[in-house]
Amino acid sequence: MTKRVAVLYGGWSSEREVSLVSGQDCAKGLVESGYEVTLIDVEHDLTALIVALDPAPDVVFNALHGRHGEDGKIQGLLDILEIPYTHSGVLASALAMDKPVAKRLFAAAAIPCPDGRIVRREELANGPVIDPPYVIKPVNEGSSVGVHIVREGDNRPPLDDWPYGETVLVESYIPGRELTVAVMGDRALGVTELQPHEGFYDYAAKYEEGRTTHLCPAPVPDEIAELAMDYALKAHEALGCRGVSRADFRYDDTGGEPGDLYMLEINTQPGMTPLSLVPEQAAYTGVSFAELVSWMVENAACDA
């Protein structure tokens, strides 16, 4: 019997547009793999979503990004409805989305992270709380939304219209290179280096074609590649992730090779767009996009 899959996409977070593309591409891959697929654009209406999920599909493919879609909230609803879903469960999703909590868990697993602290928005607006250069981030957004690098001599951070809450994560800026590692189940797939053509690897560099060069496999020493994959798998396990995740790193080789590796964060619902990194790394290991999304459906679960 053909398995019925509902793809949740869209949503109302700051990453809605990316989610729409991810969901459409995942739906195409699932149809190619022989599943019966329904696309559900998730609105800010819980009743409408419950109605859309009745009768219950065999599996939900969660292609939502950002708050409310990958922070444990949708996962909790699906647990209550007892519908298996892709990616991580409630706890791992919530932990990964809360950057300060995730950093403490990474530290407990002996995974280096940049030094940082949580401050009130008004405190940071009054002057630097750590020496520049430093990075400011929302505590619970993804896709580099709201991220700013403040360098020596820059004006104060742009916090007047900060829409991400009253607290800000401030981290030491790590020079060097951007690396990322996808984890699929119990194995790390590889290491990709990301080279933005200008600025840093921000939202536009991630999702607009032609803004970033992807080098897969990354041209780094073997010991650094192995360490990045080891850290990615340890982080995946430390948070209790399942299915697919992606870990992002800064690699400081400014003092020579081998350099120092720092984990920035783990993404429990990485993008699945044509420019996304998980499908790219899966393809490098011989797993097609259709095979990847099929694997994710067949390994779906719920915590009910």
C-alpha atoms as a PDB file:
ATOM      1  CA  MET A   1       0.000   0.000   0.000  1.00  0.00           C
ATOM      2  CA  THR A   2       1.335   3.442  -0.931  1.00  0.00           C
ATOM      3  CA  LYS A   3       2.410   5.456   2.098  1.00  0.00           C
ATOM      4  CA  ARG A   4       0.626   8.801   2.509  1.00  0.00           C
ATOM      5  CA  VAL A   5       2.932  11.697   3.392  1.00  0.00           C
ATOM      6  CA  ALA A   6       1.850  15.203   4.399  1.00  0.00           C
ATOM      7  CA  VAL A   7       4.558  17.819   3.824  1.00  0.00           C
ATOM      8  CA  LEU A   8       4.305  20.743   6.240  1.00  0.00           C
ATOM      9  CA  TYR A   9       5.851  23.865   4.779  1.00  0.00           C
ATOM     10  CA  GLY A  10       5.584  27.649   4.787  1.00  0.00           C
ATOM     11  CA  GLY A  11       4.639  28.671   8.303  1.00  0.00           C
ATOM     12  CA  TRP A  12       4.870  32.219   9.625  1.00  0.00           C
ATOM     13  CA  SER A  13       8.462  32.494  10.823  1.00  0.00           C
ATOM     14  CA  SER A  14      11.138  34.725   9.318  1.00  0.00           C
ATOM     15  CA  GLU A  15      12.188  31.696   7.243  1.00  0.00           C
ATOM     16  CA  ARG A  16       8.832  31.172   5.517  1.00  0.00           C
ATOM     17  CA  GLU A  17      10.126  31.732   1.972  1.00  0.00           C
ATOM     18  CA  VAL A  18      12.927  29.189   2.405  1.00  0.00           C
ATOM     19  CA  SER A  19      10.470  26.684   3.848  1.00  0.00           C
ATOM     20  CA  LEU A  20       8.172  27.066   0.841  1.00  0.00           C
ATOM     21  CA  VAL A  21      11.009  26.108  -1.504  1.00  0.00           C
ATOM     22  CA  SER A  22      12.173  23.252   0.752  1.00  0.00           C
ATOM     23  CA  GLY A  23       8.673  21.824   0.986  1.00  0.00           C
ATOM     24  CA  GLN A  24       8.023  21.952  -2.741  1.00  0.00           C
ATOM     25  CA  ASP A  25      11.322  20.250  -3.553  1.00  0.00           C
ATOM     26  CA  CYS A  26      10.811  17.583  -0.887  1.00  0.00           C
ATOM     27  CA  ALA A  27       7.314  16.890  -2.221  1.00  0.00           C
ATOM     28  CA  LYS A  28       8.717  16.394  -5.726  1.00  0.00           C
ATOM     29  CA  GLY A  29      11.358  14.004  -4.421  1.00  0.00           C
ATOM     30  CA  LEU A  30       8.777  12.018  -2.471  1.00  0.00           C
ATOM     31  CA  VAL A  31       6.470  11.726  -5.475  1.00  0.00           C
ATOM     32  CA  GLU A  32       9.457  10.508  -7.482  1.00  0.00           C
ATOM     33  CA  SER A  33      10.001   7.854  -4.803  1.00  0.00           C
ATOM     34  CA  GLY A  34       6.409   6.647  -5.106  1.00  0.00           C
ATOM     35  CA  TYR A  35       4.697   8.256  -2.097  1.00  0.00           C
ATOM     36  CA  GLU A  36       1.254   9.830  -2.104  1.00  0.00           C
ATOM     37  CA  VAL A  37       1.988  13.419  -1.128  1.00  0.00           C
ATOM     38  CA  THR A  38      -0.101  16.283   0.215  1.00  0.00           C
ATOM     39  CA  LEU A  39       1.351  19.760   0.744  1.00  0.00           C
ATOM     40  CA  ILE A  40       0.069  21.738   3.745  1.00  0.00           C
ATOM     41  CA  ASP A  41       0.986  25.427   4.012  1.00  0.00           C
ATOM     42  CA  VAL A  42       0.942  25.893   7.784  1.00  0.00           C
ATOM     43  CA  GLU A  43      -0.810  29.058   8.904  1.00  0.00           C
ATOM     44  CA  HIS A  44      -1.007  30.652  12.341  1.00  0.00           C
ATOM     45  CA  ASP A  45      -4.161  28.624  12.994  1.00  0.00           C
ATOM     46  CA  LEU A  46      -3.884  25.435  15.034  1.00  0.00           C
ATOM     47  CA  THR A  47      -7.439  24.339  14.274  1.00  0.00           C
ATOM     48  CA  ALA A  48      -6.849  24.610  10.527  1.00  0.00           C
ATOM     49  CA  LEU A  49      -3.731  22.456  10.786  1.00  0.00           C
ATOM     50  CA  ILE A  50      -5.525  19.763  12.784  1.00  0.00           C
ATOM     51  CA  VAL A  51      -8.317  19.729  10.202  1.00  0.00           C
ATOM     52  CA  ALA A  52      -5.757  19.459   7.379  1.00  0.00           C
ATOM     53  CA  LEU A  53      -4.211  16.441   9.138  1.00  0.00           C
ATOM     54  CA  ASP A  54      -7.553  14.593   9.293  1.00  0.00           C
ATOM     55  CA  PRO A  55      -7.584  11.833   8.191  1.00  0.00           C
ATOM     56  CA  ALA A  56      -4.103  11.360   9.554  1.00  0.00           C
ATOM     57  CA  PRO A  57      -1.322  10.723   7.025  1.00  0.00           C
ATOM     58  CA  ASP A  58       1.055   7.834   7.596  1.00  0.00           C
ATOM     59  CA  VAL A  59       3.945  10.284   8.035  1.00  0.00           C
ATOM     60  CA  VAL A  60       4.460  14.036   8.247  1.00  0.00           C
ATOM     61  CA  PHE A  61       7.497  15.403   6.455  1.00  0.00           C
ATOM     62  CA  ASN A  62       8.330  18.524   8.429  1.00  0.00           C
ATOM     63  CA  ALA A  63       9.808  21.054   6.010  1.00  0.00           C
ATOM     64  CA  LEU A  64       9.130  24.040   8.263  1.00  0.00           C
ATOM     65  CA  HIS A  65      12.036  26.281   9.246  1.00  0.00           C
ATOM     66  CA  GLY A  66      12.489  28.717  12.089  1.00  0.00           C
ATOM     67  CA  ARG A  67      10.403  29.355  15.171  1.00  0.00           C
ATOM     68  CA  HIS A  68       7.246  27.315  15.687  1.00  0.00           C
ATOM     69  CA  GLY A  69       8.369  24.799  13.043  1.00  0.00           C
ATOM     70  CA  GLU A  70      11.671  23.512  14.364  1.00  0.00           C
ATOM     71  CA  ASP A  71      11.605  24.516  18.026  1.00  0.00           C
ATOM     72  CA  GLY A  72       9.503  21.618  19.323  1.00  0.00           C
ATOM     73  CA  LYS A  73       6.061  23.186  19.038  1.00  0.00           C
ATOM     74  CA  ILE A  74       4.838  21.461  15.873  1.00  0.00           C
ATOM     75  CA  GLN A  75       6.605  18.318  17.055  1.00  0.00           C
ATOM     76  CA  GLY A  76       4.573  18.368  20.274  1.00  0.00           C
ATOM     77  CA  LEU A  77       1.322  18.612  18.342  1.00  0.00           C
ATOM     78  CA  LEU A  78       2.300  15.701  16.108  1.00  0.00           C
ATOM     79  CA  ASP A  79       3.203  13.656  19.193  1.00  0.00           C
ATOM     80  CA  ILE A  80      -0.263  14.310  20.631  1.00  0.00           C
ATOM     81  CA  LEU A  81      -1.844  13.298  17.317  1.00  0.00           C
ATOM     82  CA  GLU A  82       0.457  10.227  17.231  1.00  0.00           C
ATOM     83  CA  ILE A  83       1.603  10.929  13.679  1.00  0.00           C
ATOM     84  CA  PRO A  84       5.219   9.962  12.950  1.00  0.00           C
ATOM     85  CA  TYR A  85       7.284  12.869  11.628  1.00  0.00           C
ATOM     86  CA  THR A  86      10.717  13.468  10.162  1.00  0.00           C
ATOM     87  CA  HIS A  87      13.635  15.092  11.971  1.00  0.00           C
ATOM     88  CA  SER A  88      14.102  15.456  15.714  1.00  0.00           C
ATOM     89  CA  GLY A  89      11.532  15.246  18.492  1.00  0.00           C
ATOM     90  CA  VAL A  90      10.303  17.894  20.921  1.00  0.00           C
ATOM     91  CA  LEU A  91      13.230  18.044  23.320  1.00  0.00           C
ATOM     92  CA  ALA A  92      16.077  17.930  20.789  1.00  0.00           C
ATOM     93  CA  SER A  93      14.317  20.509  18.617  1.00  0.00           C
ATOM     94  CA  ALA A  94      13.801  22.889  21.535  1.00  0.00           C
ATOM     95  CA  LEU A  95      17.364  22.457  22.799  1.00  0.00           C
ATOM     96  CA  ALA A  96      18.939  23.077  19.404  1.00  0.00           C
ATOM     97  CA  MET A  97      16.855  26.201  18.820  1.00  0.00           C
ATOM     98  CA  ASP A  98      17.904  27.689  22.173  1.00  0.00           C
ATOM     99  CA  LYS A  99      21.506  28.588  21.303  1.00  0.00           C
ATOM    100  CA  PRO A 100      22.739  29.305  24.857  1.00  0.00           C
ATOM    101  CA  VAL A 101      21.388  25.997  26.201  1.00  0.00           C
ATOM    102  CA  ALA A 102      22.774  24.091  23.227  1.00  0.00           C
ATOM    103  CA  LYS A 103      26.210  25.644  23.801  1.00  0.00           C
ATOM    104  CA  ARG A 104      26.219  24.376  27.388  1.00  0.00           C
ATOM    105  CA  LEU A 105      25.424  20.870  26.187  1.00  0.00           C
ATOM    106  CA  PHE A 106      28.154  21.056  23.549  1.00  0.00           C
ATOM    107  CA  ALA A 107      30.640  22.141  26.218  1.00  0.00           C
ATOM    108  CA  ALA A 108      29.608  19.176  28.371  1.00  0.00           C
ATOM    109  CA  ALA A 109      30.355  16.923  25.384  1.00  0.00           C
ATOM    110  CA  ALA A 110      33.840  18.516  25.064  1.00  0.00           C
ATOM    111  CA  ILE A 111      32.953  20.328  21.829  1.00  0.00           C
ATOM    112  CA  PRO A 112      34.633  23.774  21.662  1.00  0.00           C
ATOM    113  CA  CYS A 113      32.381  26.783  21.044  1.00  0.00           C
ATOM    114  CA  PRO A 114      33.149  30.510  20.819  1.00  0.00           C
ATOM    115  CA  ASP A 115      33.157  32.351  24.132  1.00  0.00           C
ATOM    116  CA  GLY A 116      29.974  34.297  24.661  1.00  0.00           C
ATOM    117  CA  ARG A 117      27.335  35.611  26.998  1.00  0.00           C
ATOM    118  CA  ILE A 118      23.668  36.569  27.067  1.00  0.00           C
ATOM    119  CA  VAL A 119      22.932  40.254  27.643  1.00  0.00           C
ATOM    120  CA  ARG A 120      19.916  42.507  27.720  1.00  0.00           C
ATOM    121  CA  ARG A 121      19.419  44.515  24.553  1.00  0.00           C
ATOM    122  CA  GLU A 122      19.747  47.855  26.358  1.00  0.00           C
ATOM    123  CA  GLU A 123      23.033  46.764  27.974  1.00  0.00           C
ATOM    124  CA  LEU A 124      24.597  46.045  24.604  1.00  0.00           C
ATOM    125  CA  ALA A 125      23.206  49.254  23.129  1.00  0.00           C
ATOM    126  CA  ASN A 126      25.108  51.211  25.797  1.00  0.00           C
ATOM    127  CA  GLY A 127      28.476  49.897  24.637  1.00  0.00           C
ATOM    128  CA  PRO A 128      30.518  46.733  23.959  1.00  0.00           C
ATOM    129  CA  VAL A 129      30.190  43.960  26.548  1.00  0.00           C
ATOM    130  CA  ILE A 130      33.156  42.049  25.117  1.00  0.00           C
ATOM    131  CA  ASP A 131      36.107  43.231  23.078  1.00  0.00           C
ATOM    132  CA  PRO A 132      35.512  43.521  19.308  1.00  0.00           C
ATOM    133  CA  PRO A 133      35.329  41.867  16.945  1.00  0.00           C
ATOM    134  CA  TYR A 134      32.256  40.063  18.175  1.00  0.00           C
ATOM    135  CA  VAL A 135      29.025  38.617  16.815  1.00  0.00           C
ATOM    136  CA  ILE A 136      25.491  39.363  17.962  1.00  0.00           C
ATOM    137  CA  LYS A 137      22.726  36.809  17.409  1.00  0.00           C
ATOM    138  CA  PRO A 138      19.126  36.217  18.395  1.00  0.00           C
ATOM    139  CA  VAL A 139      18.970  33.455  20.977  1.00  0.00           C
ATOM    140  CA  ASN A 140      16.403  31.412  19.033  1.00  0.00           C
ATOM    141  CA  GLU A 141      16.449  32.080  15.295  1.00  0.00           C
ATOM    142  CA  GLY A 142      18.025  30.118  12.440  1.00  0.00           C
ATOM    143  CA  SER A 143      19.487  30.718   8.964  1.00  0.00           C
ATOM    144  CA  SER A 144      21.674  33.578  10.273  1.00  0.00           C
ATOM    145  CA  VAL A 145      18.558  35.716  10.725  1.00  0.00           C
ATOM    146  CA  GLY A 146      19.501  38.789  12.782  1.00  0.00           C
ATOM    147  CA  VAL A 147      23.226  37.966  12.905  1.00  0.00           C
ATOM    148  CA  HIS A 148      25.654  40.913  12.798  1.00  0.00           C
ATOM    149  CA  ILE A 149      29.437  41.056  13.041  1.00  0.00           C
ATOM    150  CA  VAL A 150      30.746  44.085  14.958  1.00  0.00           C
ATOM    151  CA  ARG A 151      34.363  44.944  14.200  1.00  0.00           C
ATOM    152  CA  GLU A 152      36.831  47.370  15.776  1.00  0.00           C
ATOM    153  CA  GLY A 153      35.734  50.920  14.998  1.00  0.00           C
ATOM    154  CA  ASP A 154      32.193  50.002  13.910  1.00  0.00           C
ATOM    155  CA  ASN A 155      29.225  51.977  15.115  1.00  0.00           C
ATOM    156  CA  ARG A 156      27.093  50.445  17.851  1.00  0.00           C
ATOM    157  CA  PRO A 157      25.122  47.301  16.879  1.00  0.00           C
ATOM    158  CA  PRO A 158      21.773  47.862  15.094  1.00  0.00           C
ATOM    159  CA  LEU A 159      19.483  47.173  18.062  1.00  0.00           C
ATOM    160  CA  ASP A 160      16.958  50.011  17.837  1.00  0.00           C
ATOM    161  CA  ASP A 161      14.610  47.923  15.715  1.00  0.00           C
ATOM    162  CA  TRP A 162      15.726  44.515  17.039  1.00  0.00           C
ATOM    163  CA  PRO A 163      12.618  42.291  16.670  1.00  0.00           C
ATOM    164  CA  TYR A 164      14.063  39.167  18.296  1.00  0.00           C
ATOM    165  CA  GLY A 165      13.340  39.733  21.982  1.00  0.00           C
ATOM    166  CA  GLU A 166      14.993  41.511  24.872  1.00  0.00           C
ATOM    167  CA  THR A 167      18.027  39.252  25.152  1.00  0.00           C
ATOM    168  CA  VAL A 168      20.956  38.970  22.737  1.00  0.00           C
ATOM    169  CA  LEU A 169      23.660  36.331  22.378  1.00  0.00           C
ATOM    170  CA  VAL A 170      27.095  37.972  22.058  1.00  0.00           C
ATOM    171  CA  GLU A 171      29.993  35.756  20.958  1.00  0.00           C
ATOM    172  CA  SER A 172      33.658  36.326  20.200  1.00  0.00           C
ATOM    173  CA  TYR A 173      34.231  36.476  16.459  1.00  0.00           C
ATOM    174  CA  ILE A 174      36.243  33.511  15.173  1.00  0.00           C
ATOM    175  CA  PRO A 175      38.343  34.377  12.104  1.00  0.00           C
ATOM    176  CA  GLY A 176      38.991  31.823   9.397  1.00  0.00           C
ATOM    177  CA  ARG A 177      36.683  29.613   7.369  1.00  0.00           C
ATOM    178  CA  GLU A 178      33.090  28.377   7.434  1.00  0.00           C
ATOM    179  CA  LEU A 179      32.563  24.604   7.532  1.00  0.00           C
ATOM    180  CA  THR A 180      29.447  22.482   7.804  1.00  0.00           C
ATOM    181  CA  VAL A 181      28.734  18.787   8.364  1.00  0.00           C
ATOM    182  CA  ALA A 182      25.511  16.884   7.715  1.00  0.00           C
ATOM    183  CA  VAL A 183      24.542  13.947   9.910  1.00  0.00           C
ATOM    184  CA  MET A 184      22.198  11.276   8.603  1.00  0.00           C
ATOM    185  CA  GLY A 185      21.120   8.863  11.305  1.00  0.00           C
ATOM    186  CA  ASP A 186      24.294   7.617  12.950  1.00  0.00           C
ATOM    187  CA  ARG A 187      26.863   8.843  10.447  1.00  0.00           C
ATOM    188  CA  ALA A 188      28.388  12.123   9.376  1.00  0.00           C
ATOM    189  CA  LEU A 189      28.279  12.519   5.595  1.00  0.00           C
ATOM    190  CA  GLY A 190      31.216  14.835   4.991  1.00  0.00           C
ATOM    191  CA  VAL A 191      32.565  18.359   5.341  1.00  0.00           C
ATOM    192  CA  THR A 192      31.760  21.320   3.096  1.00  0.00           C
ATOM    193  CA  GLU A 193      33.554  24.669   3.101  1.00  0.00           C
ATOM    194  CA  LEU A 194      31.411  27.713   2.354  1.00  0.00           C
ATOM    195  CA  GLN A 195      33.046  30.703   0.689  1.00  0.00           C
ATOM    196  CA  PRO A 196      30.704  33.724   0.492  1.00  0.00           C
ATOM    197  CA  HIS A 197      31.585  36.009  -2.393  1.00  0.00           C
ATOM    198  CA  GLU A 198      31.176  39.034  -0.120  1.00  0.00           C
ATOM    199  CA  GLY A 199      30.598  39.622   3.579  1.00  0.00           C
ATOM    200  CA  PHE A 200      29.896  36.603   5.763  1.00  0.00           C
ATOM    201  CA  TYR A 201      27.665  33.543   5.333  1.00  0.00           C
ATOM    202  CA  ASP A 202      24.425  35.378   6.056  1.00  0.00           C
ATOM    203  CA  TYR A 203      20.832  34.713   5.005  1.00  0.00           C
ATOM    204  CA  ALA A 204      21.353  36.004   1.454  1.00  0.00           C
ATOM    205  CA  ALA A 205      24.577  34.025   1.025  1.00  0.00           C
ATOM    206  CA  LYS A 206      22.754  30.875   2.094  1.00  0.00           C
ATOM    207  CA  TYR A 207      19.710  31.150  -0.121  1.00  0.00           C
ATOM    208  CA  GLU A 208      20.461  33.347  -3.128  1.00  0.00           C
ATOM    209  CA  GLU A 209      22.090  31.584  -6.038  1.00  0.00           C
ATOM    210  CA  GLY A 210      25.581  32.690  -6.993  1.00  0.00           C
ATOM    211  CA  ARG A 211      26.479  34.289  -3.658  1.00  0.00           C
ATOM    212  CA  THR A 212      28.502  31.415  -2.140  1.00  0.00           C
ATOM    213  CA  THR A 213      30.897  28.769  -3.420  1.00  0.00           C
ATOM    214  CA  HIS A 214      30.487  25.312  -1.876  1.00  0.00           C
ATOM    215  CA  LEU A 215      33.611  23.162  -1.707  1.00  0.00           C
ATOM    216  CA  CYS A 216      32.694  19.520  -1.034  1.00  0.00           C
ATOM    217  CA  PRO A 217      34.809  17.922   0.257  1.00  0.00           C
ATOM    218  CA  ALA A 218      36.326  20.870   2.087  1.00  0.00           C
ATOM    219  CA  PRO A 219      40.031  21.464   1.360  1.00  0.00           C
ATOM    220  CA  VAL A 220      41.121  21.108   4.991  1.00  0.00           C
ATOM    221  CA  PRO A 221      43.604  18.739   6.644  1.00  0.00           C
ATOM    222  CA  ASP A 222      42.272  15.208   7.123  1.00  0.00           C
ATOM    223  CA  GLU A 223      42.499  15.526  10.892  1.00  0.00           C
ATOM    224  CA  ILE A 224      40.285  18.640  10.820  1.00  0.00           C
ATOM    225  CA  ALA A 225      37.725  16.963   8.556  1.00  0.00           C
ATOM    226  CA  GLU A 226      37.627  13.944  10.863  1.00  0.00           C
ATOM    227  CA  LEU A 227      37.316  16.179  13.923  1.00  0.00           C
ATOM    228  CA  ALA A 228      34.454  18.178  12.376  1.00  0.00           C
ATOM    229  CA  MET A 229      32.552  14.986  11.565  1.00  0.00           C
ATOM    230  CA  ASP A 230      33.215  13.631  15.059  1.00  0.00           C
ATOM    231  CA  TYR A 231      31.976  16.836  16.699  1.00  0.00           C
ATOM    232  CA  ALA A 232      28.881  16.917  14.462  1.00  0.00           C
ATOM    233  CA  LEU A 233      27.916  13.382  15.425  1.00  0.00           C
ATOM    234  CA  LYS A 234      28.622  14.041  19.127  1.00  0.00           C
ATOM    235  CA  ALA A 235      26.463  17.178  19.022  1.00  0.00           C
ATOM    236  CA  HIS A 236      23.660  15.282  17.261  1.00  0.00           C
ATOM    237  CA  GLU A 237      23.767  12.668  20.015  1.00  0.00           C
ATOM    238  CA  ALA A 238      24.211  15.150  22.885  1.00  0.00           C
ATOM    239  CA  LEU A 239      20.968  16.903  21.985  1.00  0.00           C
ATOM    240  CA  GLY A 240      19.149  13.645  21.258  1.00  0.00           C
ATOM    241  CA  CYS A 241      18.605  14.422  17.575  1.00  0.00           C
ATOM    242  CA  ARG A 242      17.276  11.889  15.121  1.00  0.00           C
ATOM    243  CA  GLY A 243      17.017  11.727  11.350  1.00  0.00           C
ATOM    244  CA  VAL A 244      19.013  14.464   9.633  1.00  0.00           C
ATOM    245  CA  SER A 245      20.817  17.405  11.231  1.00  0.00           C
ATOM    246  CA  ARG A 246      23.554  19.822  10.194  1.00  0.00           C
ATOM    247  CA  ALA A 247      26.352  21.241  12.341  1.00  0.00           C
ATOM    248  CA  ASP A 248      28.025  24.562  11.498  1.00  0.00           C
ATOM    249  CA  PHE A 249      31.615  25.425  12.414  1.00  0.00           C
ATOM    250  CA  ARG A 250      34.236  28.150  12.209  1.00  0.00           C
ATOM    251  CA  TYR A 251      37.731  26.906  11.417  1.00  0.00           C
ATOM    252  CA  ASP A 252      40.468  29.311  12.494  1.00  0.00           C
ATOM    253  CA  ASP A 253      43.557  28.522  10.422  1.00  0.00           C
ATOM    254  CA  THR A 254      44.915  32.070  10.540  1.00  0.00           C
ATOM    255  CA  GLY A 255      47.829  30.879  12.662  1.00  0.00           C
ATOM    256  CA  GLY A 256      48.679  28.008  10.326  1.00  0.00           C
ATOM    257  CA  GLU A 257      47.567  24.429   9.774  1.00  0.00           C
ATOM    258  CA  PRO A 258      46.090  22.593  11.540  1.00  0.00           C
ATOM    259  CA  GLY A 259      43.978  25.331  13.093  1.00  0.00           C
ATOM    260  CA  ASP A 260      41.273  25.418  15.747  1.00  0.00           C
ATOM    261  CA  LEU A 261      37.711  24.246  15.191  1.00  0.00           C
ATOM    262  CA  TYR A 262      34.676  25.783  16.929  1.00  0.00           C
ATOM    263  CA  MET A 263      31.056  24.674  16.733  1.00  0.00           C
ATOM    264  CA  LEU A 264      28.546  27.469  16.162  1.00  0.00           C
ATOM    265  CA  GLU A 265      25.255  25.577  16.250  1.00  0.00           C
ATOM    266  CA  ILE A 266      23.326  22.526  15.151  1.00  0.00           C
ATOM    267  CA  ASN A 267      20.300  22.736  12.872  1.00  0.00           C
ATOM    268  CA  THR A 268      17.692  20.009  13.387  1.00  0.00           C
ATOM    269  CA  GLN A 269      15.712  21.002  10.278  1.00  0.00           C
ATOM    270  CA  PRO A 270      18.332  21.948   7.697  1.00  0.00           C
ATOM    271  CA  GLY A 271      17.226  23.426   4.399  1.00  0.00           C
ATOM    272  CA  MET A 272      16.254  21.158   1.535  1.00  0.00           C
ATOM    273  CA  THR A 273      16.398  23.692  -1.298  1.00  0.00           C
ATOM    274  CA  PRO A 274      18.442  23.330  -4.515  1.00  0.00           C
ATOM    275  CA  LEU A 275      21.237  25.307  -2.776  1.00  0.00           C
ATOM    276  CA  SER A 276      21.059  23.367   0.485  1.00  0.00           C
ATOM    277  CA  LEU A 277      23.991  21.595   2.031  1.00  0.00           C
ATOM    278  CA  VAL A 278      22.495  18.329   3.274  1.00  0.00           C
ATOM    279  CA  PRO A 279      21.311  17.197  -0.197  1.00  0.00           C
ATOM    280  CA  GLU A 280      24.684  18.250  -1.585  1.00  0.00           C
ATOM    281  CA  GLN A 281      26.622  16.171   0.946  1.00  0.00           C
ATOM    282  CA  ALA A 282      24.227  13.232   0.526  1.00  0.00           C
ATOM    283  CA  ALA A 283      24.804  13.326  -3.233  1.00  0.00           C
ATOM    284  CA  TYR A 284      28.560  13.327  -2.611  1.00  0.00           C
ATOM    285  CA  THR A 285      28.139  10.012  -0.748  1.00  0.00           C
ATOM    286  CA  GLY A 286      25.997   8.571  -3.558  1.00  0.00           C
ATOM    287  CA  VAL A 287      22.548   9.258  -2.063  1.00  0.00           C
ATOM    288  CA  SER A 288      20.189  11.022  -4.494  1.00  0.00           C
ATOM    289  CA  PHE A 289      17.698  13.650  -3.346  1.00  0.00           C
ATOM    290  CA  ALA A 290      14.783  11.238  -3.826  1.00  0.00           C
ATOM    291  CA  GLU A 291      16.625   8.568  -1.832  1.00  0.00           C
ATOM    292  CA  LEU A 292      17.406  11.083   0.920  1.00  0.00           C
ATOM    293  CA  VAL A 293      13.813  12.241   1.447  1.00  0.00           C
ATOM    294  CA  SER A 294      12.610   8.630   1.207  1.00  0.00           C
ATOM    295  CA  TRP A 295      15.082   7.623   3.924  1.00  0.00           C
ATOM    296  CA  MET A 296      13.804  10.451   6.091  1.00  0.00           C
ATOM    297  CA  VAL A 297      10.205   9.286   5.706  1.00  0.00           C
ATOM    298  CA  GLU A 298      11.071   5.667   6.429  1.00  0.00           C
ATOM    299  CA  ASN A 299      12.911   6.750   9.610  1.00  0.00           C
ATOM    300  CA  ALA A 300      10.154   9.057  10.831  1.00  0.00           C
ATOM    301  CA  ALA A 301       8.962   8.604  14.413  1.00  0.00           C
ATOM    302  CA  CYS A 302       7.072  10.340  17.185  1.00  0.00           C
ATOM    303  CA  ASP A 303       7.583  10.504  20.926  1.00  0.00           C
ATOM    304  CA  ALA A 304       3.994   9.529  21.835  1.00  0.00           C
END
